[in-house]
Amino acid sequence: MDKKSTPNYISKEEANEMIENALRRHNRRSTIISSVLGWILIGGYSFGLFQAVQNV
């Protein structure tokens, strides 16, 4: 009972679609993370600036 399994290859179009989906997902996540970090840094800078101005 030798079963020869045929490999399931994907086509070039399917591979390109998978890559595009992965890049789209990565870009969306990285944009969200960058936005959140940017707002945190701007908030911290503003807080420090206001504290410095208040103490002058």
PDB file of N, CA and C in Angstrom:
ATOM      1  N   MET A   1       0.821  -1.170   0.000  1.00  0.00           N
ATOM      2  CA  MET A   1       0.000   0.000   0.000  1.00  0.00           C
ATOM      3  C   MET A   1       0.877   1.249   0.000  1.00  0.00           C
ATOM      4  N   ASP A   2       1.549   1.451  -1.069  1.00  0.00           N
ATOM      5  CA  ASP A   2       2.364   2.649  -1.229  1.00  0.00           C
ATOM      6  C   ASP A   2       1.498   3.761  -1.795  1.00  0.00           C
ATOM      7  N   LYS A   3       1.212   4.727  -0.969  1.00  0.00           N
ATOM      8  CA  LYS A   3       0.440   5.877  -1.426  1.00  0.00           C
ATOM      9  C   LYS A   3       1.416   6.994  -1.746  1.00  0.00           C
ATOM     10  N   LYS A   4       1.400   7.402  -2.967  1.00  0.00           N
ATOM     11  CA  LYS A   4       2.230   8.530  -3.360  1.00  0.00           C
ATOM     12  C   LYS A   4       1.388   9.790  -3.255  1.00  0.00           C
ATOM     13  N   SER A   5       1.808  10.631  -2.363  1.00  0.00           N
ATOM     14  CA  SER A   5       1.057  11.873  -2.192  1.00  0.00           C
ATOM     15  C   SER A   5       1.597  12.906  -3.172  1.00  0.00           C
ATOM     16  N   THR A   6       0.692  13.499  -3.878  1.00  0.00           N
ATOM     17  CA  THR A   6       1.093  14.548  -4.807  1.00  0.00           C
ATOM     18  C   THR A   6       1.133  15.859  -4.033  1.00  0.00           C
ATOM     19  N   PRO A   7       2.211  16.592  -4.163  1.00  0.00           N
ATOM     20  CA  PRO A   7       2.315  17.863  -3.437  1.00  0.00           C
ATOM     21  C   PRO A   7       1.303  18.868  -3.982  1.00  0.00           C
ATOM     22  N   ASN A   8       0.752  19.633  -3.071  1.00  0.00           N
ATOM     23  CA  ASN A   8      -0.204  20.662  -3.461  1.00  0.00           C
ATOM     24  C   ASN A   8       0.539  21.984  -3.634  1.00  0.00           C
ATOM     25  N   TYR A   9       0.833  22.307  -4.860  1.00  0.00           N
ATOM     26  CA  TYR A   9       1.526  23.555  -5.155  1.00  0.00           C
ATOM     27  C   TYR A   9       0.506  24.667  -5.346  1.00  0.00           C
ATOM     28  N   ILE A  10       0.939  25.866  -5.043  1.00  0.00           N
ATOM     29  CA  ILE A  10       0.071  27.005  -5.288  1.00  0.00           C
ATOM     30  C   ILE A  10       0.569  27.723  -6.532  1.00  0.00           C
ATOM     31  N   SER A  11      -0.333  28.416  -7.161  1.00  0.00           N
ATOM     32  CA  SER A  11       0.042  29.109  -8.389  1.00  0.00           C
ATOM     33  C   SER A  11       0.748  30.423  -8.055  1.00  0.00           C
ATOM     34  N   LYS A  12       1.339  31.007  -9.067  1.00  0.00           N
ATOM     35  CA  LYS A  12       2.046  32.270  -8.884  1.00  0.00           C
ATOM     36  C   LYS A  12       1.073  33.366  -8.472  1.00  0.00           C
ATOM     37  N   GLU A  13      -0.124  33.359  -9.025  1.00  0.00           N
ATOM     38  CA  GLU A  13      -1.128  34.362  -8.679  1.00  0.00           C
ATOM     39  C   GLU A  13      -1.547  34.236  -7.213  1.00  0.00           C
ATOM     40  N   GLU A  14      -1.728  32.997  -6.746  1.00  0.00           N
ATOM     41  CA  GLU A  14      -2.100  32.775  -5.351  1.00  0.00           C
ATOM     42  C   GLU A  14      -0.987  33.237  -4.409  1.00  0.00           C
ATOM     43  N   ALA A  15       0.261  32.975  -4.794  1.00  0.00           N
ATOM     44  CA  ALA A  15       1.398  33.399  -3.975  1.00  0.00           C
ATOM     45  C   ALA A  15       1.467  34.918  -3.907  1.00  0.00           C
ATOM     46  N   ASN A  16       1.276  35.577  -5.038  1.00  0.00           N
ATOM     47  CA  ASN A  16       1.292  37.040  -5.053  1.00  0.00           C
ATOM     48  C   ASN A  16       0.160  37.619  -4.214  1.00  0.00           C
ATOM     49  N   GLU A  17      -1.005  37.002  -4.279  1.00  0.00           N
ATOM     50  CA  GLU A  17      -2.142  37.462  -3.485  1.00  0.00           C
ATOM     51  C   GLU A  17      -1.862  37.302  -1.992  1.00  0.00           C
ATOM     52  N   MET A  18      -1.248  36.190  -1.610  1.00  0.00           N
ATOM     53  CA  MET A  18      -0.906  35.966  -0.206  1.00  0.00           C
ATOM     54  C   MET A  18       0.115  37.001   0.273  1.00  0.00           C
ATOM     55  N   ILE A  19       1.085  37.308  -0.562  1.00  0.00           N
ATOM     56  CA  ILE A  19       2.102  38.301  -0.210  1.00  0.00           C
ATOM     57  C   ILE A  19       1.478  39.684  -0.072  1.00  0.00           C
ATOM     58  N   GLU A  20       0.604  40.041  -1.014  1.00  0.00           N
ATOM     59  CA  GLU A  20      -0.057  41.340  -0.951  1.00  0.00           C
ATOM     60  C   GLU A  20      -0.920  41.466   0.300  1.00  0.00           C
ATOM     61  N   ASN A  21      -1.626  40.405   0.658  1.00  0.00           N
ATOM     62  CA  ASN A  21      -2.444  40.431   1.871  1.00  0.00           C
ATOM     63  C   ASN A  21      -1.576  40.607   3.112  1.00  0.00           C
ATOM     64  N   ALA A  22      -0.440  39.908   3.143  1.00  0.00           N
ATOM     65  CA  ALA A  22       0.462  40.021   4.292  1.00  0.00           C
ATOM     66  C   ALA A  22       1.047  41.428   4.388  1.00  0.00           C
ATOM     67  N   LEU A  23       1.414  42.018   3.264  1.00  0.00           N
ATOM     68  CA  LEU A  23       1.959  43.371   3.271  1.00  0.00           C
ATOM     69  C   LEU A  23       0.903  44.388   3.688  1.00  0.00           C
ATOM     70  N   ARG A  24      -0.315  44.209   3.216  1.00  0.00           N
ATOM     71  CA  ARG A  24      -1.403  45.109   3.583  1.00  0.00           C
ATOM     72  C   ARG A  24      -1.664  45.053   5.089  1.00  0.00           C
ATOM     73  N   ARG A  25      -1.682  43.838   5.636  1.00  0.00           N
ATOM     74  CA  ARG A  25      -1.912  43.656   7.072  1.00  0.00           C
ATOM     75  C   ARG A  25      -0.762  44.280   7.877  1.00  0.00           C
ATOM     76  N   HIS A  26       0.465  44.071   7.408  1.00  0.00           N
ATOM     77  CA  HIS A  26       1.635  44.638   8.087  1.00  0.00           C
ATOM     78  C   HIS A  26       1.594  46.164   8.067  1.00  0.00           C
ATOM     79  N   ASN A  27       1.277  46.743   6.920  1.00  0.00           N
ATOM     80  CA  ASN A  27       1.231  48.201   6.809  1.00  0.00           C
ATOM     81  C   ASN A  27       0.143  48.790   7.704  1.00  0.00           C
ATOM     82  N   ARG A  28      -1.001  48.129   7.775  1.00  0.00           N
ATOM     83  CA  ARG A  28      -2.091  48.614   8.620  1.00  0.00           C
ATOM     84  C   ARG A  28      -1.681  48.592  10.089  1.00  0.00           C
ATOM     85  N   ARG A  29      -1.092  47.484  10.523  1.00  0.00           N
ATOM     86  CA  ARG A  29      -0.683  47.367  11.926  1.00  0.00           C
ATOM     87  C   ARG A  29       0.429  48.344  12.273  1.00  0.00           C
ATOM     88  N   SER A  30       1.398  48.480  11.380  1.00  0.00           N
ATOM     89  CA  SER A  30       2.511  49.380  11.672  1.00  0.00           C
ATOM     90  C   SER A  30       2.044  50.828  11.702  1.00  0.00           C
ATOM     91  N   THR A  31       1.065  51.192  10.875  1.00  0.00           N
ATOM     92  CA  THR A  31       0.519  52.549  10.902  1.00  0.00           C
ATOM     93  C   THR A  31      -0.168  52.822  12.229  1.00  0.00           C
ATOM     94  N   ILE A  32      -0.945  51.871  12.704  1.00  0.00           N
ATOM     95  CA  ILE A  32      -1.644  52.041  13.981  1.00  0.00           C
ATOM     96  C   ILE A  32      -0.644  52.165  15.119  1.00  0.00           C
ATOM     97  N   ILE A  33       0.361  51.305  15.136  1.00  0.00           N
ATOM     98  CA  ILE A  33       1.370  51.342  16.203  1.00  0.00           C
ATOM     99  C   ILE A  33       2.140  52.661  16.165  1.00  0.00           C
ATOM    100  N   SER A  34       2.509  53.116  14.985  1.00  0.00           N
ATOM    101  CA  SER A  34       3.244  54.378  14.861  1.00  0.00           C
ATOM    102  C   SER A  34       2.393  55.553  15.315  1.00  0.00           C
ATOM    103  N   SER A  35       1.113  55.530  14.988  1.00  0.00           N
ATOM    104  CA  SER A  35       0.219  56.610  15.411  1.00  0.00           C
ATOM    105  C   SER A  35       0.108  56.662  16.927  1.00  0.00           C
ATOM    106  N   VAL A  36      -0.081  55.521  17.546  1.00  0.00           N
ATOM    107  CA  VAL A  36      -0.210  55.475  19.000  1.00  0.00           C
ATOM    108  C   VAL A  36       1.085  55.962  19.661  1.00  0.00           C
ATOM    109  N   LEU A  37       2.221  55.480  19.198  1.00  0.00           N
ATOM    110  CA  LEU A  37       3.487  55.914  19.782  1.00  0.00           C
ATOM    111  C   LEU A  37       3.720  57.404  19.559  1.00  0.00           C
ATOM    112  N   GLY A  38       3.346  57.896  18.397  1.00  0.00           N
ATOM    113  CA  GLY A  38       3.494  59.320  18.105  1.00  0.00           C
ATOM    114  C   GLY A  38       2.671  60.178  19.046  1.00  0.00           C
ATOM    115  N   TRP A  39       1.420  59.794  19.272  1.00  0.00           N
ATOM    116  CA  TRP A  39       0.570  60.571  20.185  1.00  0.00           C
ATOM    117  C   TRP A  39       1.105  60.520  21.606  1.00  0.00           C
ATOM    118  N   ILE A  40       1.626  59.381  22.023  1.00  0.00           N
ATOM    119  CA  ILE A  40       2.200  59.273  23.368  1.00  0.00           C
ATOM    120  C   ILE A  40       3.409  60.196  23.497  1.00  0.00           C
ATOM    121  N   LEU A  41       4.267  60.196  22.497  1.00  0.00           N
ATOM    122  CA  LEU A  41       5.457  61.049  22.557  1.00  0.00           C
ATOM    123  C   LEU A  41       5.091  62.526  22.497  1.00  0.00           C
ATOM    124  N   ILE A  42       4.143  62.887  21.649  1.00  0.00           N
ATOM    125  CA  ILE A  42       3.710  64.284  21.582  1.00  0.00           C
ATOM    126  C   ILE A  42       3.078  64.701  22.903  1.00  0.00           C
ATOM    127  N   GLY A  43       2.289  63.827  23.499  1.00  0.00           N
ATOM    128  CA  GLY A  43       1.685  64.130  24.796  1.00  0.00           C
ATOM    129  C   GLY A  43       2.732  64.327  25.872  1.00  0.00           C
ATOM    130  N   GLY A  44       3.727  63.465  25.902  1.00  0.00           N
ATOM    131  CA  GLY A  44       4.798  63.600  26.891  1.00  0.00           C
ATOM    132  C   GLY A  44       5.602  64.867  26.689  1.00  0.00           C
ATOM    133  N   TYR A  45       5.892  65.186  25.452  1.00  0.00           N
ATOM    134  CA  TYR A  45       6.630  66.414  25.147  1.00  0.00           C
ATOM    135  C   TYR A  45       5.811  67.633  25.564  1.00  0.00           C
ATOM    136  N   SER A  46       4.543  67.637  25.233  1.00  0.00           N
ATOM    137  CA  SER A  46       3.680  68.770  25.591  1.00  0.00           C
ATOM    138  C   SER A  46       3.584  68.928  27.103  1.00  0.00           C
ATOM    139  N   PHE A  47       3.419  67.813  27.796  1.00  0.00           N
ATOM    140  CA  PHE A  47       3.342  67.863  29.257  1.00  0.00           C
ATOM    141  C   PHE A  47       4.619  68.451  29.836  1.00  0.00           C
ATOM    142  N   GLY A  48       5.766  67.990  29.363  1.00  0.00           N
ATOM    143  CA  GLY A  48       7.049  68.513  29.845  1.00  0.00           C
ATOM    144  C   GLY A  48       7.219  69.982  29.509  1.00  0.00           C
ATOM    145  N   LEU A  49       6.798  70.372  28.319  1.00  0.00           N
ATOM    146  CA  LEU A  49       6.906  71.777  27.920  1.00  0.00           C
ATOM    147  C   LEU A  49       6.031  72.662  28.804  1.00  0.00           C
ATOM    148  N   PHE A  50       4.820  72.236  29.060  1.00  0.00           N
ATOM    149  CA  PHE A  50       3.931  73.002  29.926  1.00  0.00           C
ATOM    150  C   PHE A  50       4.474  73.082  31.360  1.00  0.00           C
ATOM    151  N   GLN A  51       5.067  72.006  31.835  1.00  0.00           N
ATOM    152  CA  GLN A  51       5.661  72.019  33.172  1.00  0.00           C
ATOM    153  C   GLN A  51       6.838  72.995  33.225  1.00  0.00           C
ATOM    154  N   ALA A  52       7.646  73.019  32.174  1.00  0.00           N
ATOM    155  CA  ALA A  52       8.799  73.926  32.132  1.00  0.00           C
ATOM    156  C   ALA A  52       8.330  75.376  32.055  1.00  0.00           C
ATOM    157  N   VAL A  53       7.312  75.655  31.269  1.00  0.00           N
ATOM    158  CA  VAL A  53       6.801  77.017  31.136  1.00  0.00           C
ATOM    159  C   VAL A  53       6.159  77.462  32.443  1.00  0.00           C
ATOM    160  N   GLN A  54       5.491  76.569  33.123  1.00  0.00           N
ATOM    161  CA  GLN A  54       4.832  76.902  34.389  1.00  0.00           C
ATOM    162  C   GLN A  54       5.857  77.253  35.462  1.00  0.00           C
ATOM    163  N   ASN A  55       7.007  76.596  35.439  1.00  0.00           N
ATOM    164  CA  ASN A  55       8.023  76.823  36.453  1.00  0.00           C
ATOM    165  C   ASN A  55       8.869  78.060  36.183  1.00  0.00           C
ATOM    166  N   VAL A  56       8.725  78.655  35.025  1.00  0.00           N
ATOM    167  CA  VAL A  56       9.542  79.840  34.706  1.00  0.00           C
ATOM    168  C   VAL A  56       8.895  81.084  35.227  1.00  0.00           C
TER     169      VAL A  56
END
